[in-house]
């Protein structure tokens, strides 16, 4: 069974090994999905997307309080982490107090901050404006501290199926230095560094609505964040705001989101200025890389595309 897993995740390694490598996906009459490095009749190029989109609209938002002809505009951060925000205004008519440029500020965790007080230029006439709010998790003024990460799982040994800068999916700013480790579904996932749990997702089954599947995001003391993705549905054991130590149980590995096989996607990120980016990191012990199963072969494996 695990040999099949190694082959499937080896497809990822194949793409990481060769920029020209293309994987083809086909579906037979019974609905069984197969992958190969060779095109067949009816097959299509498979584009792997490993994006992480966290919806924070309900936790980072603006509030307008009206009193005595003054509109006070606040930004509220309900997260257990600081958030960098950028507030601007559009459609402005009859308004005094609008800043000449966008307001950029770091809002501390669990805090509301007043950012503007607006009044009418012509008394008795209505104010017209539309606040525009952008945000990014984390404080960009922090400095990452060197740290060797213990392996974020129990069991094994397991192997890397796609490393940093892998063109299969590790090429965007948020995942450039991510590492995928092939492992059977249900492997215990543990915290590789202490911190505070900022965000979790626990309800996705199969592909779900988010390419990252179920996940846990942990904020470290230096402002960096460790993120554990593609976790098994219902297995997340921590809650937002909870403090965790190295080795604390987080969840079980899974195959949720945009995943072609059971594995853990582990990435370390930080805010570098209105945007999260992945940063290089190292494990405190060697982890082997998988052989290239697919390159130059006609081998195929049936399996569900998660």
Protein backbone atom coordinates (compact mmCIF):
# COMPACT_ATOMS: atom_id res chain seq x y z
CA UNK A 1 0.00 0.00 0.00
CA UNK A 2 2.74 2.44 0.95
CA UNK A 3 4.63 1.53 -2.23
CA UNK A 4 1.64 2.82 -4.19
CA UNK A 5 1.77 6.02 -2.15
CA UNK A 6 5.47 6.40 -2.95
CA UNK A 7 4.74 6.10 -6.67
CA UNK A 8 1.93 8.62 -6.61
CA UNK A 9 3.95 11.17 -4.68
CA UNK A 10 6.87 10.35 -6.94
CA UNK A 11 4.96 12.14 -9.68
CA UNK A 12 5.53 15.32 -7.72
CA UNK A 13 9.23 14.58 -7.52
CA UNK A 14 9.34 13.99 -11.25
CA UNK A 15 8.09 17.49 -11.88
CA UNK A 16 10.50 18.93 -9.36
CA UNK A 17 13.35 17.20 -11.15
CA UNK A 18 12.60 18.48 -14.62
CA UNK A 19 11.10 21.82 -15.62
CA UNK A 20 9.98 20.21 -18.90
CA UNK A 21 8.20 17.34 -17.16
CA UNK A 22 4.47 17.15 -17.87
CA UNK A 23 1.98 14.92 -16.08
CA UNK A 24 -1.18 13.75 -17.87
CA UNK A 25 -4.46 12.87 -16.18
CA UNK A 26 -6.99 10.48 -17.67
CA UNK A 27 -10.29 9.02 -16.49
CA UNK A 28 -11.58 5.65 -17.68
CA UNK A 29 -15.19 4.54 -18.24
CA UNK A 30 -15.47 3.53 -14.59
CA UNK A 31 -14.37 6.94 -13.35
CA UNK A 32 -10.94 5.75 -12.22
CA UNK A 33 -8.35 8.53 -12.44
CA UNK A 34 -4.81 7.73 -13.61
CA UNK A 35 -1.63 9.79 -14.01
CA UNK A 36 1.27 9.31 -16.38
CA UNK A 37 4.18 11.17 -17.95
CA UNK A 38 2.97 9.94 -21.38
CA UNK A 39 -0.18 11.28 -23.07
CA UNK A 40 -2.94 8.83 -23.96
CA UNK A 41 -6.19 9.19 -25.87
CA UNK A 42 -8.47 11.57 -23.97
CA UNK A 43 -5.86 12.52 -21.37
CA UNK A 44 -5.31 16.11 -20.34
CA UNK A 45 -2.35 17.98 -18.92
CA UNK A 46 -2.66 17.96 -15.14
CA UNK A 47 -1.93 21.31 -13.50
CA UNK A 48 -1.36 20.98 -9.77
CA UNK A 49 -2.50 23.96 -7.71
CA UNK A 50 -1.38 24.13 -4.11
CA UNK A 51 -2.67 27.55 -3.16
CA UNK A 52 -3.67 28.56 0.35
CA UNK A 53 -6.45 31.10 0.61
CA UNK A 54 -7.53 31.98 4.12
CA UNK A 55 -10.80 33.88 4.39
CA UNK A 56 -10.41 36.47 7.13
CA UNK A 57 -13.38 38.71 6.35
CA UNK A 58 -15.17 37.71 9.54
CA UNK A 59 -12.09 38.27 11.70
CA UNK A 60 -10.51 41.39 10.17
CA UNK A 61 -13.02 44.11 9.27
CA UNK A 62 -13.87 47.79 9.60
CA UNK A 63 -16.51 49.27 11.87
CA UNK A 64 -18.04 52.74 11.48
CA UNK A 65 -19.42 54.44 14.58
CA UNK A 66 -21.54 57.56 14.04
CA UNK A 67 -21.97 60.16 16.79
CA UNK A 68 -22.65 63.92 16.78
CA UNK A 69 -21.96 64.27 13.05
CA UNK A 70 -18.65 62.39 13.21
CA UNK A 71 -18.01 59.02 11.55
CA UNK A 72 -15.25 57.18 13.41
CA UNK A 73 -13.72 54.38 11.34
CA UNK A 74 -12.19 51.51 13.27
CA UNK A 75 -10.47 48.32 12.12
CA UNK A 76 -11.11 45.26 14.27
CA UNK A 77 -8.72 42.29 14.43
CA UNK A 78 -10.31 39.24 16.09
CA UNK A 79 -7.38 36.94 15.26
CA UNK A 80 -4.81 35.60 17.72
CA UNK A 81 -2.06 37.24 15.69
CA UNK A 82 -1.23 40.78 14.58
CA UNK A 83 -2.46 41.82 11.15
CA UNK A 84 -1.04 44.43 8.82
CA UNK A 85 -3.84 46.40 7.17
CA UNK A 86 -4.19 49.03 4.48
CA UNK A 87 -7.28 51.23 4.61
CA UNK A 88 -8.31 53.60 1.81
CA UNK A 89 -11.52 55.34 0.73
CA UNK A 90 -13.27 55.51 -2.62
CA UNK A 91 -16.30 57.43 -3.88
CA UNK A 92 -15.56 60.32 -1.52
CA UNK A 93 -18.04 63.22 -1.53
CA UNK A 94 -18.58 65.94 1.08
CA UNK A 95 -16.06 64.37 3.47
CA UNK A 96 -13.37 66.03 5.57
CA UNK A 97 -10.74 63.98 7.36
CA UNK A 98 -9.89 61.53 4.57
CA UNK A 99 -6.11 60.99 4.64
CA UNK A 100 -4.15 61.97 1.55
CA UNK A 101 -2.84 58.43 1.19
CA UNK A 102 -3.80 54.93 2.25
CA UNK A 103 -3.49 54.19 5.95
CA UNK A 104 -1.16 51.29 6.67
CA UNK A 105 -0.97 49.99 10.22
CA UNK A 106 -0.29 46.84 12.22
CA UNK A 107 -3.34 45.98 14.31
CA UNK A 108 -2.48 43.93 17.42
CA UNK A 109 -4.30 40.68 18.09
CA UNK A 110 -7.84 40.89 19.46
CA UNK A 111 -7.89 44.70 19.18
CA UNK A 112 -9.85 47.56 17.59
CA UNK A 113 -7.98 50.66 16.42
CA UNK A 114 -9.55 53.95 15.30
CA UNK A 115 -7.94 55.02 12.05
CA UNK A 116 -10.02 57.95 10.83
CA UNK A 117 -12.60 60.52 11.97
CA UNK A 118 -14.74 61.90 9.15
CA UNK A 119 -17.02 64.93 9.12
CA UNK A 120 -19.12 66.73 6.51
CA UNK A 121 -17.58 69.60 4.57
CA UNK A 122 -21.06 71.09 4.08
CA UNK A 123 -23.02 70.79 7.29
CA UNK A 124 -26.38 69.10 6.93
CA UNK A 125 -25.40 67.30 3.75
CA UNK A 126 -24.74 63.51 3.81
CA UNK A 127 -21.25 62.07 3.73
CA UNK A 128 -20.44 59.65 0.92
CA UNK A 129 -17.48 57.26 0.97
CA UNK A 130 -16.63 53.58 0.60
CA UNK A 131 -13.89 52.10 2.84
CA UNK A 132 -11.51 49.66 1.11
CA UNK A 133 -9.66 47.28 3.43
CA UNK A 134 -6.73 45.02 2.59
CA UNK A 135 -4.88 42.91 5.12
CA UNK A 136 -2.10 40.38 5.63
CA UNK A 137 -1.43 38.13 8.59
CA UNK A 138 1.58 38.99 10.72
CA UNK A 139 3.79 41.94 11.64
CA UNK A 140 6.36 42.76 8.92
CA UNK A 141 8.68 44.51 11.39
CA UNK A 142 9.72 41.26 13.07
CA UNK A 143 13.04 39.50 12.48
CA UNK A 144 13.13 35.77 11.86
CA UNK A 145 15.34 33.86 14.30
CA UNK A 146 17.41 30.91 13.09
CA UNK A 147 15.78 27.62 14.06
CA UNK A 148 16.20 23.96 13.11
CA UNK A 149 12.78 22.32 12.89
CA UNK A 150 12.23 18.89 14.42
CA UNK A 151 10.28 16.58 12.11
CA UNK A 152 6.59 17.56 12.39
CA UNK A 153 5.29 13.98 12.52
CA UNK A 154 5.60 10.76 14.46
CA UNK A 155 6.49 7.51 12.72
CA UNK A 156 8.22 6.82 9.48
CA UNK A 157 10.76 6.99 8.10
CA UNK A 158 9.12 8.99 5.33
CA UNK A 159 10.56 10.78 2.31
CA UNK A 160 10.24 14.15 0.60
CA UNK A 161 8.01 13.93 -2.47
CA UNK A 162 8.55 17.57 -3.51
CA UNK A 163 11.08 20.02 -2.15
CA UNK A 164 11.64 23.76 -2.23
CA UNK A 165 11.21 25.50 -5.59
CA UNK A 166 9.46 22.46 -7.05
CA UNK A 167 7.72 23.66 -10.24
CA UNK A 168 4.84 21.20 -9.72
CA UNK A 169 3.32 23.46 -7.06
CA UNK A 170 6.10 25.07 -4.98
CA UNK A 171 6.72 28.12 -7.13
CA UNK A 172 4.47 30.88 -5.76
CA UNK A 173 5.51 33.36 -3.05
CA UNK A 174 3.54 31.54 -0.33
CA UNK A 175 4.91 28.07 -1.05
CA UNK A 176 8.31 28.48 -2.73
CA UNK A 177 10.20 26.88 0.18
CA UNK A 178 7.49 24.40 1.22
CA UNK A 179 8.25 20.70 1.54
CA UNK A 180 5.88 17.81 0.83
CA UNK A 181 6.45 14.60 2.78
CA UNK A 182 4.67 11.46 1.57
CA UNK A 183 3.09 9.52 4.42
CA UNK A 184 0.07 7.28 4.97
CA UNK A 185 -3.17 9.01 5.88
CA UNK A 186 -3.62 9.11 9.65
CA UNK A 187 0.02 9.75 10.55
CA UNK A 188 0.24 11.88 13.74
CA UNK A 189 1.23 15.47 12.96
CA UNK A 190 2.95 17.39 15.76
CA UNK A 191 4.13 20.97 16.30
CA UNK A 192 7.68 21.46 15.05
CA UNK A 193 7.95 24.75 16.94
CA UNK A 194 6.09 26.30 19.85
CA UNK A 195 3.64 29.13 19.42
CA UNK A 196 -0.03 30.11 19.28
CA UNK A 197 -2.59 28.53 16.96
CA UNK A 198 -3.89 31.29 14.68
CA UNK A 199 -6.10 29.51 12.15
CA UNK A 200 -7.47 26.03 11.62
CA UNK A 201 -9.64 24.26 9.06
CA UNK A 202 -11.07 20.88 10.02
CA UNK A 203 -14.22 20.22 8.00
CA UNK A 204 -13.06 19.52 4.46
CA UNK A 205 -13.46 16.09 2.92
CA UNK A 206 -11.76 15.21 -0.33
CA UNK A 207 -11.16 18.19 -2.57
CA UNK A 208 -13.34 20.52 -0.50
CA UNK A 209 -13.49 24.25 -1.17
CA UNK A 210 -9.85 25.16 -0.43
CA UNK A 211 -6.80 23.87 -2.29
CA UNK A 212 -4.91 23.58 1.00
CA UNK A 213 -7.49 21.23 2.52
CA UNK A 214 -7.64 21.09 6.30
CA UNK A 215 -4.77 22.89 8.02
CA UNK A 216 -3.28 24.33 11.20
CA UNK A 217 -1.38 27.66 11.29
CA UNK A 218 0.89 28.37 14.28
CA UNK A 219 2.42 31.78 15.05
CA UNK A 220 5.96 31.58 16.49
CA UNK A 221 7.55 34.06 18.90
CA UNK A 222 9.65 35.69 16.14
CA UNK A 223 6.61 36.43 13.97
CA UNK A 224 7.10 33.55 11.55
CA UNK A 225 4.31 31.00 11.09
CA UNK A 226 4.40 27.27 10.53
CA UNK A 227 1.56 25.85 8.44
CA UNK A 228 0.58 22.18 8.25
CA UNK A 229 -1.68 21.39 5.26
CA UNK A 230 -3.84 18.61 3.70
CA UNK A 231 -4.84 17.21 7.12
CA UNK A 232 -7.44 14.51 7.65
CA UNK A 233 -11.01 15.68 8.10
CA UNK A 234 -12.06 15.94 11.74
CA UNK A 235 -8.57 15.20 13.06
CA UNK A 236 -7.48 18.71 14.12
CA UNK A 237 -7.02 18.65 17.91
CA UNK A 238 -6.16 22.29 18.60
CA UNK A 239 -8.22 25.48 18.65
CA UNK A 240 -7.49 29.05 17.65
CA UNK A 241 -5.77 30.90 20.49
CA UNK A 242 -4.31 27.74 22.01
CA UNK A 243 -0.62 27.68 22.92
CA UNK A 244 1.33 24.67 21.70
CA UNK A 245 4.81 23.40 22.50
CA UNK A 246 7.24 21.42 20.35
CA UNK A 247 5.79 17.95 19.99
CA UNK A 248 2.20 18.92 20.79
CA UNK A 249 -0.36 16.86 18.84
CA UNK A 250 -1.98 18.96 16.12
CA UNK A 251 -3.86 16.58 13.82
CA UNK A 252 -3.50 13.55 11.54
CA UNK A 253 -2.08 13.68 8.03
CA UNK A 254 -4.58 13.40 5.22
CA UNK A 255 -5.27 13.80 1.54
CA UNK A 256 -7.62 16.80 1.46
CA UNK A 257 -7.64 19.81 -0.81
CA UNK A 258 -5.73 19.79 -4.09
CA UNK A 259 -3.62 16.75 -3.29
CA UNK A 260 -2.69 13.84 -5.58
CA UNK A 261 -1.86 11.53 -2.69
CA UNK A 262 -1.58 11.36 1.09
CA UNK A 263 1.13 13.70 2.33
CA UNK A 264 1.97 16.57 4.65
CA UNK A 265 2.70 19.96 3.11
CA UNK A 266 4.77 21.94 5.62
CA UNK A 267 5.72 25.56 5.04
CA UNK A 268 7.12 28.43 7.12
CA UNK A 269 5.85 31.91 6.23
CA UNK A 270 6.21 35.50 7.35
CA UNK A 271 4.73 38.85 6.39
CA UNK A 272 7.27 40.93 4.46
CA UNK A 273 4.92 43.86 3.82
CA UNK A 274 1.23 43.35 2.99
CA UNK A 275 1.88 39.81 1.90
CA UNK A 276 2.83 36.41 3.27
CA UNK A 277 5.83 34.69 1.71
CA UNK A 278 7.43 31.34 2.43
CA UNK A 279 10.95 31.44 3.85
CA UNK A 280 13.74 28.82 3.80
CA UNK A 281 14.02 26.48 6.76
CA UNK A 282 15.79 23.28 7.69
CA UNK A 283 14.84 20.15 9.56
CA UNK A 284 17.15 19.13 12.37
CA UNK A 285 17.82 15.75 10.75
CA UNK A 286 18.09 14.50 7.18
CA UNK A 287 14.97 13.49 5.26
CA UNK A 288 15.54 11.51 2.08
CA UNK A 289 14.08 12.41 -1.30
CA UNK A 290 12.02 9.98 -3.32
CA UNK A 291 13.36 8.40 -6.49
CA UNK A 292 11.89 9.70 -9.72
CA UNK A 293 9.25 7.06 -10.45
CA UNK A 294 7.55 8.66 -13.42
CA UNK A 295 10.27 10.20 -15.57
CA UNK A 296 10.82 8.19 -18.72
CA UNK A 297 8.35 5.47 -17.76
CA UNK A 298 4.90 4.40 -18.86
CA UNK A 299 3.88 3.39 -15.37
CA UNK A 300 0.43 4.45 -14.27
CA UNK A 301 -1.41 4.43 -10.98
CA UNK A 302 -5.14 4.56 -10.44
CA UNK A 303 -6.29 6.76 -7.61
CA UNK A 304 -8.61 9.52 -6.58
CA UNK A 305 -7.48 13.04 -7.30
CA UNK A 306 -8.12 14.81 -4.05
